[in-house]
PDB file of N, CA and C in Angstrom:
ATOM      1  N   MET A   1       6.784   4.236   4.243  1.00  0.00           N
ATOM      2  CA  MET A   1       5.571   3.678   4.799  1.00  0.00           C
ATOM      3  C   MET A   1       5.816   2.199   5.102  1.00  0.00           C
ATOM      4  N   THR A   2       5.513   1.785   6.318  1.00  0.00           N
ATOM      5  CA  THR A   2       5.744   0.403   6.716  1.00  0.00           C
ATOM      6  C   THR A   2       4.637  -0.509   6.181  1.00  0.00           C
ATOM      7  N   ARG A   3       4.872  -1.787   6.325  1.00  0.00           N
ATOM      8  CA  ARG A   3       3.905  -2.777   5.833  1.00  0.00           C
ATOM      9  C   ARG A   3       2.574  -2.672   6.592  1.00  0.00           C
ATOM     10  N   LYS A   4       2.654  -2.450   7.900  1.00  0.00           N
ATOM     11  CA  LYS A   4       1.429  -2.322   8.703  1.00  0.00           C
ATOM     12  C   LYS A   4       0.635  -1.094   8.278  1.00  0.00           C
ATOM     13  N   GLU A   5       1.332  -0.003   8.024  1.00  0.00           N
ATOM     14  CA  GLU A   5       0.651   1.223   7.597  1.00  0.00           C
ATOM     15  C   GLU A   5      -0.014   1.025   6.242  1.00  0.00           C
ATOM     16  N   LYS A   6       0.656   0.307   5.349  1.00  0.00           N
ATOM     17  CA  LYS A   6       0.071   0.032   4.042  1.00  0.00           C
ATOM     18  C   LYS A   6      -1.179  -0.830   4.180  1.00  0.00           C
ATOM     19  N   LEU A   7      -1.131  -1.826   5.073  1.00  0.00           N
ATOM     20  CA  LEU A   7      -2.293  -2.690   5.259  1.00  0.00           C
ATOM     21  C   LEU A   7      -3.479  -1.922   5.837  1.00  0.00           C
ATOM     22  N   VAL A   8      -3.211  -1.050   6.812  1.00  0.00           N
ATOM     23  CA  VAL A   8      -4.285  -0.242   7.390  1.00  0.00           C
ATOM     24  C   VAL A   8      -4.860   0.681   6.329  1.00  0.00           C
ATOM     25  N   MET A   9      -4.001   1.294   5.534  1.00  0.00           N
ATOM     26  CA  MET A   9      -4.479   2.196   4.482  1.00  0.00           C
ATOM     27  C   MET A   9      -5.279   1.440   3.431  1.00  0.00           C
ATOM     28  N   ALA A  10      -4.840   0.252   3.070  1.00  0.00           N
ATOM     29  CA  ALA A  10      -5.591  -0.561   2.103  1.00  0.00           C
ATOM     30  C   ALA A  10      -6.956  -0.936   2.671  1.00  0.00           C
ATOM     31  N   TYR A  11      -7.003  -1.256   3.957  1.00  0.00           N
ATOM     32  CA  TYR A  11      -8.292  -1.567   4.591  1.00  0.00           C
ATOM     33  C   TYR A  11      -9.208  -0.355   4.563  1.00  0.00           C
ATOM     34  N   LEU A  12      -8.657   0.809   4.894  1.00  0.00           N
ATOM     35  CA  LEU A  12      -9.469   2.026   4.892  1.00  0.00           C
ATOM     36  C   LEU A  12      -9.959   2.369   3.491  1.00  0.00           C
ATOM     37  N   CYS A  13      -9.130   2.147   2.479  1.00  0.00           N
ATOM     38  CA  CYS A  13      -9.545   2.408   1.093  1.00  0.00           C
ATOM     39  C   CYS A  13     -10.669   1.468   0.684  1.00  0.00           C
ATOM     40  N   GLY A  14     -10.586   0.236   1.111  1.00  0.00           N
ATOM     41  CA  GLY A  14     -11.642  -0.721   0.785  1.00  0.00           C
ATOM     42  C   GLY A  14     -12.927  -0.444   1.532  1.00  0.00           C
ATOM     43  N   ARG A  15     -12.822   0.116   2.690  1.00  0.00           N
ATOM     44  CA  ARG A  15     -13.987   0.363   3.534  1.00  0.00           C
ATOM     45  C   ARG A  15     -14.662   1.690   3.232  1.00  0.00           C
ATOM     46  N   CYS A  16     -13.888   2.711   2.956  1.00  0.00           N
ATOM     47  CA  CYS A  16     -14.426   4.061   2.747  1.00  0.00           C
ATOM     48  C   CYS A  16     -14.587   4.338   1.259  1.00  0.00           C
ATOM     49  N   GLN A  17     -15.647   5.043   0.931  1.00  0.00           N
ATOM     50  CA  GLN A  17     -15.853   5.462  -0.442  1.00  0.00           C
ATOM     51  C   GLN A  17     -15.512   6.938  -0.564  1.00  0.00           C
ATOM     52  N   LYS A  18     -15.521   7.417  -1.788  1.00  0.00           N
ATOM     53  CA  LYS A  18     -15.125   8.795  -2.048  1.00  0.00           C
ATOM     54  C   LYS A  18     -16.046   9.787  -1.341  1.00  0.00           C
ATOM     55  N   ASN A  19     -15.432  10.805  -0.761  1.00  0.00           N
ATOM     56  CA  ASN A  19     -16.114  11.961  -0.188  1.00  0.00           C
ATOM     57  C   ASN A  19     -17.179  11.616   0.849  1.00  0.00           C
ATOM     58  N   LYS A  20     -17.064  10.503   1.507  1.00  0.00           N
ATOM     59  CA  LYS A  20     -17.979  10.144   2.579  1.00  0.00           C
ATOM     60  C   LYS A  20     -17.183   9.869   3.835  1.00  0.00           C
ATOM     61  N   THR A  21     -17.781  10.156   4.968  1.00  0.00           N
ATOM     62  CA  THR A  21     -17.142   9.919   6.253  1.00  0.00           C
ATOM     63  C   THR A  21     -17.706   8.638   6.846  1.00  0.00           C
ATOM     64  N   TYR A  22     -16.830   7.794   7.358  1.00  0.00           N
ATOM     65  CA  TYR A  22     -17.234   6.517   7.908  1.00  0.00           C
ATOM     66  C   TYR A  22     -16.761   6.388   9.345  1.00  0.00           C
ATOM     67  N   LEU A  23     -17.576   5.728  10.155  1.00  0.00           N
ATOM     68  CA  LEU A  23     -17.195   5.409  11.527  1.00  0.00           C
ATOM     69  C   LEU A  23     -16.559   4.029  11.531  1.00  0.00           C
ATOM     70  N   ILE A  24     -15.331   3.969  11.990  1.00  0.00           N
ATOM     71  CA  ILE A  24     -14.607   2.703  12.043  1.00  0.00           C
ATOM     72  C   ILE A  24     -13.970   2.597  13.425  1.00  0.00           C
ATOM     73  N   SER A  25     -14.188   1.466  14.068  1.00  0.00           N
ATOM     74  CA  SER A  25     -13.577   1.273  15.383  1.00  0.00           C
ATOM     75  C   SER A  25     -12.190   0.655  15.226  1.00  0.00           C
ATOM     76  N   PRO A  26     -11.313   0.903  16.183  1.00  0.00           N
ATOM     77  CA  PRO A  26      -9.996   0.269  16.127  1.00  0.00           C
ATOM     78  C   PRO A  26     -10.083  -1.258  16.188  1.00  0.00           C
ATOM     79  N   GLN A  27     -11.107  -1.770  16.844  1.00  0.00           N
ATOM     80  CA  GLN A  27     -11.292  -3.213  16.930  1.00  0.00           C
ATOM     81  C   GLN A  27     -11.598  -3.813  15.557  1.00  0.00           C
ATOM     82  N   GLU A  28     -12.349  -3.081  14.732  1.00  0.00           N
ATOM     83  CA  GLU A  28     -12.626  -3.558  13.374  1.00  0.00           C
ATOM     84  C   GLU A  28     -11.336  -3.685  12.567  1.00  0.00           C
ATOM     85  N   ILE A  29     -10.469  -2.710  12.729  1.00  0.00           N
ATOM     86  CA  ILE A  29      -9.208  -2.725  11.996  1.00  0.00           C
ATOM     87  C   ILE A  29      -8.339  -3.886  12.473  1.00  0.00           C
ATOM     88  N   THR A  30      -8.274  -4.103  13.786  1.00  0.00           N
ATOM     89  CA  THR A  30      -7.448  -5.208  14.302  1.00  0.00           C
ATOM     90  C   THR A  30      -8.004  -6.553  13.853  1.00  0.00           C
ATOM     91  N   GLN A  31      -9.324  -6.694  13.824  1.00  0.00           N
ATOM     92  CA  GLN A  31      -9.910  -7.960  13.368  1.00  0.00           C
ATOM     93  C   GLN A  31      -9.652  -8.184  11.885  1.00  0.00           C
ATOM     94  N   ALA A  32      -9.725  -7.131  11.090  1.00  0.00           N
ATOM     95  CA  ALA A  32      -9.513  -7.269   9.653  1.00  0.00           C
ATOM     96  C   ALA A  32      -8.065  -7.628   9.333  1.00  0.00           C
ATOM     97  N   LEU A  33      -7.129  -7.127  10.121  1.00  0.00           N
ATOM     98  CA  LEU A  33      -5.712  -7.361   9.853  1.00  0.00           C
ATOM     99  C   LEU A  33      -5.112  -8.454  10.721  1.00  0.00           C
ATOM    100  N   SER A  34      -5.934  -9.132  11.519  1.00  0.00           N
ATOM    101  CA  SER A  34      -5.410 -10.132  12.450  1.00  0.00           C
ATOM    102  C   SER A  34      -4.830 -11.361  11.746  1.00  0.00           C
ATOM    103  N   LYS A  35      -5.190 -11.588  10.487  1.00  0.00           N
ATOM    104  CA  LYS A  35      -4.643 -12.735   9.764  1.00  0.00           C
ATOM    105  C   LYS A  35      -3.173 -12.547   9.434  1.00  0.00           C
ATOM    106  N   LYS A  36      -2.751 -11.290   9.237  1.00  0.00           N
ATOM    107  CA  LYS A  36      -1.363 -11.028   8.872  1.00  0.00           C
ATOM    108  C   LYS A  36      -0.543 -10.490  10.029  1.00  0.00           C
ATOM    109  N   TYR A  37      -1.119  -9.582  10.802  1.00  0.00           N
ATOM    110  CA  TYR A  37      -0.396  -8.945  11.901  1.00  0.00           C
ATOM    111  C   TYR A  37      -1.294  -8.819  13.116  1.00  0.00           C
ATOM    112  N   VAL A  38      -0.668  -8.803  14.264  1.00  0.00           N
ATOM    113  CA  VAL A  38      -1.371  -8.508  15.498  1.00  0.00           C
ATOM    114  C   VAL A  38      -1.053  -7.057  15.838  1.00  0.00           C
ATOM    115  N   LEU A  39      -2.085  -6.228  15.815  1.00  0.00           N
ATOM    116  CA  LEU A  39      -1.913  -4.810  16.085  1.00  0.00           C
ATOM    117  C   LEU A  39      -2.624  -4.438  17.369  1.00  0.00           C
ATOM    118  N   SER A  40      -1.967  -3.645  18.187  1.00  0.00           N
ATOM    119  CA  SER A  40      -2.611  -3.141  19.395  1.00  0.00           C
ATOM    120  C   SER A  40      -3.352  -1.852  19.058  1.00  0.00           C
ATOM    121  N   ILE A  41      -4.193  -1.427  19.961  1.00  0.00           N
ATOM    122  CA  ILE A  41      -4.951  -0.198  19.760  1.00  0.00           C
ATOM    123  C   ILE A  41      -4.004   0.998  19.687  1.00  0.00           C
ATOM    124  N   GLU A  42      -2.941   0.960  20.481  1.00  0.00           N
ATOM    125  CA  GLU A  42      -1.972   2.063  20.473  1.00  0.00           C
ATOM    126  C   GLU A  42      -1.269   2.159  19.115  1.00  0.00           C
ATOM    127  N   GLU A  43      -0.928   0.996  18.534  1.00  0.00           N
ATOM    128  CA  GLU A  43      -0.289   0.994  17.212  1.00  0.00           C
ATOM    129  C   GLU A  43      -1.227   1.560  16.154  1.00  0.00           C
ATOM    130  N   ILE A  44      -2.495   1.205  16.243  1.00  0.00           N
ATOM    131  CA  ILE A  44      -3.469   1.711  15.282  1.00  0.00           C
ATOM    132  C   ILE A  44      -3.615   3.222  15.436  1.00  0.00           C
ATOM    133  N   ASP A  45      -3.621   3.707  16.689  1.00  0.00           N
ATOM    134  CA  ASP A  45      -3.682   5.152  16.914  1.00  0.00           C
ATOM    135  C   ASP A  45      -2.492   5.851  16.265  1.00  0.00           C
ATOM    136  N   GLU A  46      -1.298   5.297  16.437  1.00  0.00           N
ATOM    137  CA  GLU A  46      -0.090   5.886  15.839  1.00  0.00           C
ATOM    138  C   GLU A  46      -0.154   5.849  14.316  1.00  0.00           C
ATOM    139  N   ILE A  47      -0.637   4.742  13.769  1.00  0.00           N
ATOM    140  CA  ILE A  47      -0.739   4.614  12.316  1.00  0.00           C
ATOM    141  C   ILE A  47      -1.746   5.614  11.759  1.00  0.00           C
ATOM    142  N   MET A  48      -2.868   5.793  12.450  1.00  0.00           N
ATOM    143  CA  MET A  48      -3.880   6.751  11.996  1.00  0.00           C
ATOM    144  C   MET A  48      -3.325   8.173  12.015  1.00  0.00           C
ATOM    145  N   VAL A  49      -2.562   8.514  13.039  1.00  0.00           N
ATOM    146  CA  VAL A  49      -1.955   9.841  13.107  1.00  0.00           C
ATOM    147  C   VAL A  49      -0.941  10.010  11.974  1.00  0.00           C
ATOM    148  N   TYR A  50      -0.148   8.969  11.712  1.00  0.00           N
ATOM    149  CA  TYR A  50       0.822   9.018  10.621  1.00  0.00           C
ATOM    150  C   TYR A  50       0.124   9.223   9.280  1.00  0.00           C
ATOM    151  N   LEU A  51      -0.942   8.462   9.024  1.00  0.00           N
ATOM    152  CA  LEU A  51      -1.664   8.582   7.761  1.00  0.00           C
ATOM    153  C   LEU A  51      -2.299   9.958   7.616  1.00  0.00           C
ATOM    154  N   SER A  52      -2.730  10.518   8.721  1.00  0.00           N
ATOM    155  CA  SER A  52      -3.285  11.869   8.697  1.00  0.00           C
ATOM    156  C   SER A  52      -2.197  12.894   8.404  1.00  0.00           C
ATOM    157  N   ASN A  53      -1.034  12.726   9.002  1.00  0.00           N
ATOM    158  CA  ASN A  53       0.078  13.652   8.766  1.00  0.00           C
ATOM    159  C   ASN A  53       0.597  13.568   7.334  1.00  0.00           C
ATOM    160  N   GLU A  54       0.499  12.402   6.714  1.00  0.00           N
ATOM    161  CA  GLU A  54       0.955  12.211   5.337  1.00  0.00           C
ATOM    162  C   GLU A  54      -0.128  12.565   4.314  1.00  0.00           C
ATOM    163  N   ASN A  55      -1.238  13.140   4.768  1.00  0.00           N
ATOM    164  CA  ASN A  55      -2.339  13.607   3.917  1.00  0.00           C
ATOM    165  C   ASN A  55      -3.029  12.494   3.134  1.00  0.00           C
ATOM    166  N   PHE A  56      -3.149  11.324   3.738  1.00  0.00           N
ATOM    167  CA  PHE A  56      -3.933  10.258   3.134  1.00  0.00           C
ATOM    168  C   PHE A  56      -5.380  10.305   3.630  1.00  0.00           C
ATOM    169  N   ILE A  57      -5.562  10.652   4.904  1.00  0.00           N
ATOM    170  CA  ILE A  57      -6.894  10.648   5.500  1.00  0.00           C
ATOM    171  C   ILE A  57      -7.085  11.867   6.386  1.00  0.00           C
ATOM    172  N   ASP A  58      -8.345  12.167   6.639  1.00  0.00           N
ATOM    173  CA  ASP A  58      -8.753  13.063   7.719  1.00  0.00           C
ATOM    174  C   ASP A  58      -9.496  12.186   8.706  1.00  0.00           C
ATOM    175  N   PHE A  59      -9.191  12.311   9.971  1.00  0.00           N
ATOM    176  CA  PHE A  59      -9.949  11.535  10.944  1.00  0.00           C
ATOM    177  C   PHE A  59     -10.106  12.314  12.232  1.00  0.00           C
ATOM    178  N   VAL A  60     -11.210  12.006  12.913  1.00  0.00           N
ATOM    179  CA  VAL A  60     -11.511  12.583  14.212  1.00  0.00           C
ATOM    180  C   VAL A  60     -11.908  11.428  15.113  1.00  0.00           C
ATOM    181  N   VAL A  61     -11.467  11.478  16.340  1.00  0.00           N
ATOM    182  CA  VAL A  61     -11.829  10.434  17.295  1.00  0.00           C
ATOM    183  C   VAL A  61     -13.159  10.807  17.930  1.00  0.00           C
ATOM    184  N   SER A  62     -14.101   9.875  17.921  1.00  0.00           N
ATOM    185  CA  SER A  62     -15.435  10.102  18.456  1.00  0.00           C
ATOM    186  C   SER A  62     -15.727   9.057  19.532  1.00  0.00           C
ATOM    187  N   ASP A  63     -16.187   9.513  20.680  1.00  0.00           N
ATOM    188  CA  ASP A  63     -16.530   8.587  21.768  1.00  0.00           C
ATOM    189  C   ASP A  63     -17.942   8.057  21.568  1.00  0.00           C
ATOM    190  N   GLY A  64     -18.118   6.778  21.907  1.00  0.00           N
ATOM    191  CA  GLY A  64     -19.415   6.143  21.807  1.00  0.00           C
ATOM    192  C   GLY A  64     -19.658   5.264  23.016  1.00  0.00           C
ATOM    193  N   LYS A  65     -20.788   4.581  23.023  1.00  0.00           N
ATOM    194  CA  LYS A  65     -21.131   3.700  24.149  1.00  0.00           C
ATOM    195  C   LYS A  65     -20.174   2.516  24.245  1.00  0.00           C
ATOM    196  N   ASN A  66     -19.748   2.004  23.102  1.00  0.00           N
ATOM    197  CA  ASN A  66     -18.895   0.814  23.065  1.00  0.00           C
ATOM    198  C   ASN A  66     -17.418   1.154  22.906  1.00  0.00           C
ATOM    199  N   GLY A  67     -17.014   2.330  23.271  1.00  0.00           N
ATOM    200  CA  GLY A  67     -15.627   2.742  23.112  1.00  0.00           C
ATOM    201  C   GLY A  67     -15.540   3.898  22.140  1.00  0.00           C
ATOM    202  N   TYR A  68     -14.370   4.099  21.584  1.00  0.00           N
ATOM    203  CA  TYR A  68     -14.229   5.208  20.652  1.00  0.00           C
ATOM    204  C   TYR A  68     -14.123   4.712  19.226  1.00  0.00           C
ATOM    205  N   PHE A  69     -14.473   5.599  18.311  1.00  0.00           N
ATOM    206  CA  PHE A  69     -14.476   5.314  16.885  1.00  0.00           C
ATOM    207  C   PHE A  69     -13.685   6.388  16.165  1.00  0.00           C
ATOM    208  N   TYR A  70     -13.240   6.043  14.965  1.00  0.00           N
ATOM    209  CA  TYR A  70     -12.608   7.027  14.094  1.00  0.00           C
ATOM    210  C   TYR A  70     -13.633   7.455  13.053  1.00  0.00           C
ATOM    211  N   CYS A  71     -13.800   8.752  12.888  1.00  0.00           N
ATOM    212  CA  CYS A  71     -14.576   9.290  11.769  1.00  0.00           C
ATOM    213  C   CYS A  71     -13.569   9.550  10.655  1.00  0.00           C
ATOM    214  N   VAL A  72     -13.549   8.686   9.652  1.00  0.00           N
ATOM    215  CA  VAL A  72     -12.504   8.702   8.624  1.00  0.00           C
ATOM    216  C   VAL A  72     -13.056   9.214   7.307  1.00  0.00           C
ATOM    217  N   ASN A  73     -12.300  10.111   6.695  1.00  0.00           N
ATOM    218  CA  ASN A  73     -12.601  10.618   5.367  1.00  0.00           C
ATOM    219  C   ASN A  73     -11.310  10.544   4.556  1.00  0.00           C
ATOM    220  N   LEU A  74     -11.371   9.925   3.379  1.00  0.00           N
ATOM    221  CA  LEU A  74     -10.187   9.810   2.529  1.00  0.00           C
ATOM    222  C   LEU A  74      -9.917  11.110   1.786  1.00  0.00           C
ATOM    223  N   LYS A  75      -8.652  11.501   1.739  1.00  0.00           N
ATOM    224  CA  LYS A  75      -8.248  12.640   0.912  1.00  0.00           C
ATOM    225  C   LYS A  75      -7.936  12.128  -0.487  1.00  0.00           C
ATOM    226  N   LYS A  76      -7.571  13.024  -1.401  1.00  0.00           N
ATOM    227  CA  LYS A  76      -7.317  12.609  -2.790  1.00  0.00           C
ATOM    228  C   LYS A  76      -6.179  11.603  -2.879  1.00  0.00           C
ATOM    229  N   SER A  77      -5.110  11.830  -2.126  1.00  0.00           N
ATOM    230  CA  SER A  77      -4.000  10.870  -2.173  1.00  0.00           C
ATOM    231  C   SER A  77      -4.408   9.543  -1.551  1.00  0.00           C
ATOM    232  N   GLY A  78      -5.325   9.565  -0.607  1.00  0.00           N
ATOM    233  CA  GLY A  78      -5.834   8.328  -0.025  1.00  0.00           C
ATOM    234  C   GLY A  78      -6.733   7.570  -0.982  1.00  0.00           C
ATOM    235  N   GLN A  79      -7.499   8.319  -1.791  1.00  0.00           N
ATOM    236  CA  GLN A  79      -8.383   7.682  -2.761  1.00  0.00           C
ATOM    237  C   GLN A  79      -7.601   7.003  -3.875  1.00  0.00           C
ATOM    238  N   SER A  80      -6.453   7.552  -4.209  1.00  0.00           N
ATOM    239  CA  SER A  80      -5.648   6.965  -5.288  1.00  0.00           C
ATOM    240  C   SER A  80      -4.570   6.020  -4.760  1.00  0.00           C
ATOM    241  N   PHE A  81      -4.599   5.694  -3.482  1.00  0.00           N
ATOM    242  CA  PHE A  81      -3.564   4.865  -2.862  1.00  0.00           C
ATOM    243  C   PHE A  81      -3.459   3.488  -3.513  1.00  0.00           C
ATOM    244  N   LEU A  82      -4.581   2.803  -3.691  1.00  0.00           N
ATOM    245  CA  LEU A  82      -4.549   1.451  -4.268  1.00  0.00           C
ATOM    246  C   LEU A  82      -4.072   1.479  -5.716  1.00  0.00           C
ATOM    247  N   ASN A  83      -4.486   2.496  -6.470  1.00  0.00           N
ATOM    248  CA  ASN A  83      -4.022   2.613  -7.857  1.00  0.00           C
ATOM    249  C   ASN A  83      -2.527   2.876  -7.914  1.00  0.00           C
ATOM    250  N   ASP A  84      -2.029   3.681  -6.984  1.00  0.00           N
ATOM    251  CA  ASP A  84      -0.588   3.960  -6.941  1.00  0.00           C
ATOM    252  C   ASP A  84       0.207   2.699  -6.623  1.00  0.00           C
ATOM    253  N   ILE A  85      -0.301   1.870  -5.732  1.00  0.00           N
ATOM    254  CA  ILE A  85       0.366   0.603  -5.390  1.00  0.00           C
ATOM    255  C   ILE A  85       0.410  -0.302  -6.630  1.00  0.00           C
ATOM    256  N   LYS A  86      -0.698  -0.384  -7.360  1.00  0.00           N
ATOM    257  CA  LYS A  86      -0.740  -1.212  -8.570  1.00  0.00           C
ATOM    258  C   LYS A  86       0.251  -0.704  -9.613  1.00  0.00           C
ATOM    259  N   LYS A  87       0.323   0.612  -9.779  1.00  0.00           N
ATOM    260  CA  LYS A  87       1.253   1.190 -10.757  1.00  0.00           C
ATOM    261  C   LYS A  87       2.695   0.879 -10.377  1.00  0.00           C
ATOM    262  N   LYS A  88       3.009   0.931  -9.097  1.00  0.00           N
ATOM    263  CA  LYS A  88       4.372   0.622  -8.652  1.00  0.00           C
ATOM    264  C   LYS A  88       4.713  -0.841  -8.915  1.00  0.00           C
ATOM    265  N   LYS A  89       3.761  -1.739  -8.688  1.00  0.00           N
ATOM    266  CA  LYS A  89       3.995  -3.158  -8.952  1.00  0.00           C
ATOM    267  C   LYS A  89       4.195  -3.405 -10.439  1.00  0.00           C
ATOM    268  N   ILE A  90       3.396  -2.761 -11.277  1.00  0.00           N
ATOM    269  CA  ILE A  90       3.528  -2.923 -12.721  1.00  0.00           C
ATOM    270  C   ILE A  90       4.868  -2.375 -13.189  1.00  0.00           C
ATOM    271  N   THR A  91       5.261  -1.226 -12.666  1.00  0.00           N
ATOM    272  CA  THR A  91       6.543  -0.627 -13.039  1.00  0.00           C
ATOM    273  C   THR A  91       7.699  -1.527 -12.631  1.00  0.00           C
ATOM    274  N   LEU A  92       7.636  -2.104 -11.446  1.00  0.00           N
ATOM    275  CA  LEU A  92       8.682  -3.011 -10.991  1.00  0.00           C
ATOM    276  C   LEU A  92       8.735  -4.265 -11.864  1.00  0.00           C
ATOM    277  N   GLY A  93       7.580  -4.815 -12.202  1.00  0.00           N
ATOM    278  CA  GLY A  93       7.528  -5.987 -13.072  1.00  0.00           C
ATOM    279  C   GLY A  93       8.106  -5.706 -14.447  1.00  0.00           C
ATOM    280  N   MET A  94       7.772  -4.544 -14.998  1.00  0.00           N
ATOM    281  CA  MET A  94       8.314  -4.179 -16.305  1.00  0.00           C
ATOM    282  C   MET A  94       9.823  -3.976 -16.232  1.00  0.00           C
ATOM    283  N   LEU A  95      10.321  -3.431 -15.150  1.00  0.00           N
ATOM    284  CA  LEU A  95      11.760  -3.249 -14.978  1.00  0.00           C
ATOM    285  C   LEU A  95      12.481  -4.596 -14.933  1.00  0.00           C
ATOM    286  N   VAL A  96      11.906  -5.551 -14.221  1.00  0.00           N
ATOM    287  CA  VAL A  96      12.497  -6.891 -14.144  1.00  0.00           C
ATOM    288  C   VAL A  96      12.471  -7.563 -15.516  1.00  0.00           C
ATOM    289  N   LEU A  97      11.343  -7.480 -16.214  1.00  0.00           N
ATOM    290  CA  LEU A  97      11.245  -8.077 -17.551  1.00  0.00           C
ATOM    291  C   LEU A  97      12.222  -7.439 -18.529  1.00  0.00           C
ATOM    292  N   ARG A  98      12.355  -6.124 -18.477  1.00  0.00           N
ATOM    293  CA  ARG A  98      13.289  -5.441 -19.359  1.00  0.00           C
ATOM    294  C   ARG A  98      14.720  -5.857 -19.072  1.00  0.00           C
ATOM    295  N   SER A  99      15.045  -5.993 -17.787  1.00  0.00           N
ATOM    296  CA  SER A  99      16.399  -6.420 -17.413  1.00  0.00           C
ATOM    297  C   SER A  99      16.687  -7.828 -17.908  1.00  0.00           C
ATOM    298  N   CYS A 100      15.718  -8.732 -17.763  1.00  0.00           N
ATOM    299  CA  CYS A 100      15.895 -10.106 -18.260  1.00  0.00           C
ATOM    300  C   CYS A 100      16.041 -10.125 -19.781  1.00  0.00           C
ATOM    301  N   PHE A 101      15.247  -9.345 -20.478  1.00  0.00           N
ATOM    302  CA  PHE A 101      15.330  -9.276 -21.928  1.00  0.00           C
ATOM    303  C   PHE A 101      16.692  -8.753 -22.373  1.00  0.00           C
ATOM    304  N   LEU A 102      17.166  -7.688 -21.740  1.00  0.00           N
ATOM    305  CA  LEU A 102      18.467  -7.131 -22.115  1.00  0.00           C
ATOM    306  C   LEU A 102      19.608  -8.087 -21.799  1.00  0.00           C
ATOM    307  N   ALA A 103      19.496  -8.820 -20.693  1.00  0.00           N
ATOM    308  CA  ALA A 103      20.527  -9.802 -20.366  1.00  0.00           C
ATOM    309  C   ALA A 103      20.554 -10.915 -21.408  1.00  0.00           C
ATOM    310  N   THR A 104      19.379 -11.365 -21.840  1.00  0.00           N
ATOM    311  CA  THR A 104      19.305 -12.413 -22.863  1.00  0.00           C
ATOM    312  C   THR A 104      19.866 -11.922 -24.190  1.00  0.00           C
ATOM    313  N   VAL A 105      19.504 -10.719 -24.572  1.00  0.00           N
ATOM    314  CA  VAL A 105      19.992 -10.161 -25.837  1.00  0.00           C
ATOM    315  C   VAL A 105      21.510 -10.000 -25.797  1.00  0.00           C
ATOM    316  N   SER A 106      22.046  -9.513 -24.704  1.00  0.00           N
ATOM    317  CA  SER A 106      23.502  -9.332 -24.626  1.00  0.00           C
ATOM    318  C   SER A 106      24.224 -10.679 -24.636  1.00  0.00           C
ATOM    319  N   PHE A 107      23.629 -11.693 -24.026  1.00  0.00           N
ATOM    320  CA  PHE A 107      24.225 -13.032 -24.053  1.00  0.00           C
ATOM    321  C   PHE A 107      24.267 -13.572 -25.486  1.00  0.00           C
ATOM    322  N   VAL A 108      23.148 -13.454 -26.193  1.00  0.00           N
ATOM    323  CA  VAL A 108      23.083 -13.939 -27.574  1.00  0.00           C
ATOM    324  C   VAL A 108      24.047 -13.154 -28.449  1.00  0.00           C
ATOM    325  N   PHE A 109      24.116 -11.860 -28.268  1.00  0.00           N
ATOM    326  CA  PHE A 109      25.038 -11.027 -29.037  1.00  0.00           C
ATOM    327  C   PHE A 109      26.491 -11.415 -28.753  1.00  0.00           C
ATOM    328  N   GLY A 110      26.820 -11.704 -27.514  1.00  0.00           N
ATOM    329  CA  GLY A 110      28.168 -12.145 -27.158  1.00  0.00           C
ATOM    330  C   GLY A 110      28.518 -13.477 -27.784  1.00  0.00           C
ATOM    331  N   VAL A 111      27.570 -14.412 -27.783  1.00  0.00           N
ATOM    332  CA  VAL A 111      27.799 -15.717 -28.407  1.00  0.00           C
ATOM    333  C   VAL A 111      28.017 -15.553 -29.906  1.00  0.00           C
ATOM    334  N   LEU A 112      27.242 -14.703 -30.567  1.00  0.00           N
ATOM    335  CA  LEU A 112      27.417 -14.460 -32.005  1.00  0.00           C
ATOM    336  C   LEU A 112      28.774 -13.826 -32.308  1.00  0.00           C
ATOM    337  N   LEU A 113      29.190 -12.862 -31.511  1.00  0.00           N
ATOM    338  CA  LEU A 113      30.485 -12.230 -31.730  1.00  0.00           C
ATOM    339  C   LEU A 113      31.636 -13.223 -31.538  1.00  0.00           C
ATOM    340  N   ARG A 114      31.538 -14.103 -30.550  1.00  0.00           N
ATOM    341  CA  ARG A 114      32.561 -15.113 -30.343  1.00  0.00           C
ATOM    342  C   ARG A 114      32.629 -16.058 -31.532  1.00  0.00           C
ATOM    343  N   ALA A 115      31.470 -16.430 -32.060  1.00  0.00           N
ATOM    344  CA  ALA A 115      31.426 -17.338 -33.194  1.00  0.00           C
ATOM    345  C   ALA A 115      32.011 -16.684 -34.444  1.00  0.00           C
ATOM    346  N   ILE A 116      31.750 -15.398 -34.618  1.00  0.00           N
ATOM    347  CA  ILE A 116      32.262 -14.701 -35.810  1.00  0.00           C
ATOM    348  C   ILE A 116      33.762 -14.492 -35.728  1.00  0.00           C
ATOM    349  N   PHE A 117      34.271 -14.025 -34.604  1.00  0.00           N
ATOM    350  CA  PHE A 117      35.681 -13.689 -34.496  1.00  0.00           C
ATOM    351  C   PHE A 117      36.569 -14.853 -34.076  1.00  0.00           C
ATOM    352  N   LYS A 118      36.006 -16.006 -33.815  1.00  0.00           N
ATOM    353  CA  LYS A 118      36.801 -17.175 -33.439  1.00  0.00           C
ATOM    354  C   LYS A 118      37.526 -17.745 -34.651  1.00  0.00           C
ATOM    355  N   LYS A 119      36.989 -17.559 -35.810  1.00  0.00           N
ATOM    356  CA  LYS A 119      37.578 -18.131 -37.039  1.00  0.00           C
ATOM    357  C   LYS A 119      38.809 -17.452 -37.433  1.00  0.00           C
TER     358      LYS A 119
END
């Protein structure tokens, strides 16, 4: 999953609640993500299709007076998307901390062994 896809999915998770369908225009998504990325309508269409194929969302394109809208409904994997991202960050942080701790312990153990066997 690319960074743009993650940002769109995070926006959809923040906007949509469980088991409800929401109307969201592509312009809303581009405005919400314009601080980090410039997305075209075609890119958003591709990202929405990708997210649908990966079973994060269900969406239908609906025509309106002001253009078209997405009728978006989050699936179970879409509802747990933000929690999964947090768990991955925590797991990565713990892995880094564990690696630093083990490196420190092995350094101290090496220094002690040198001091003992140097005599």
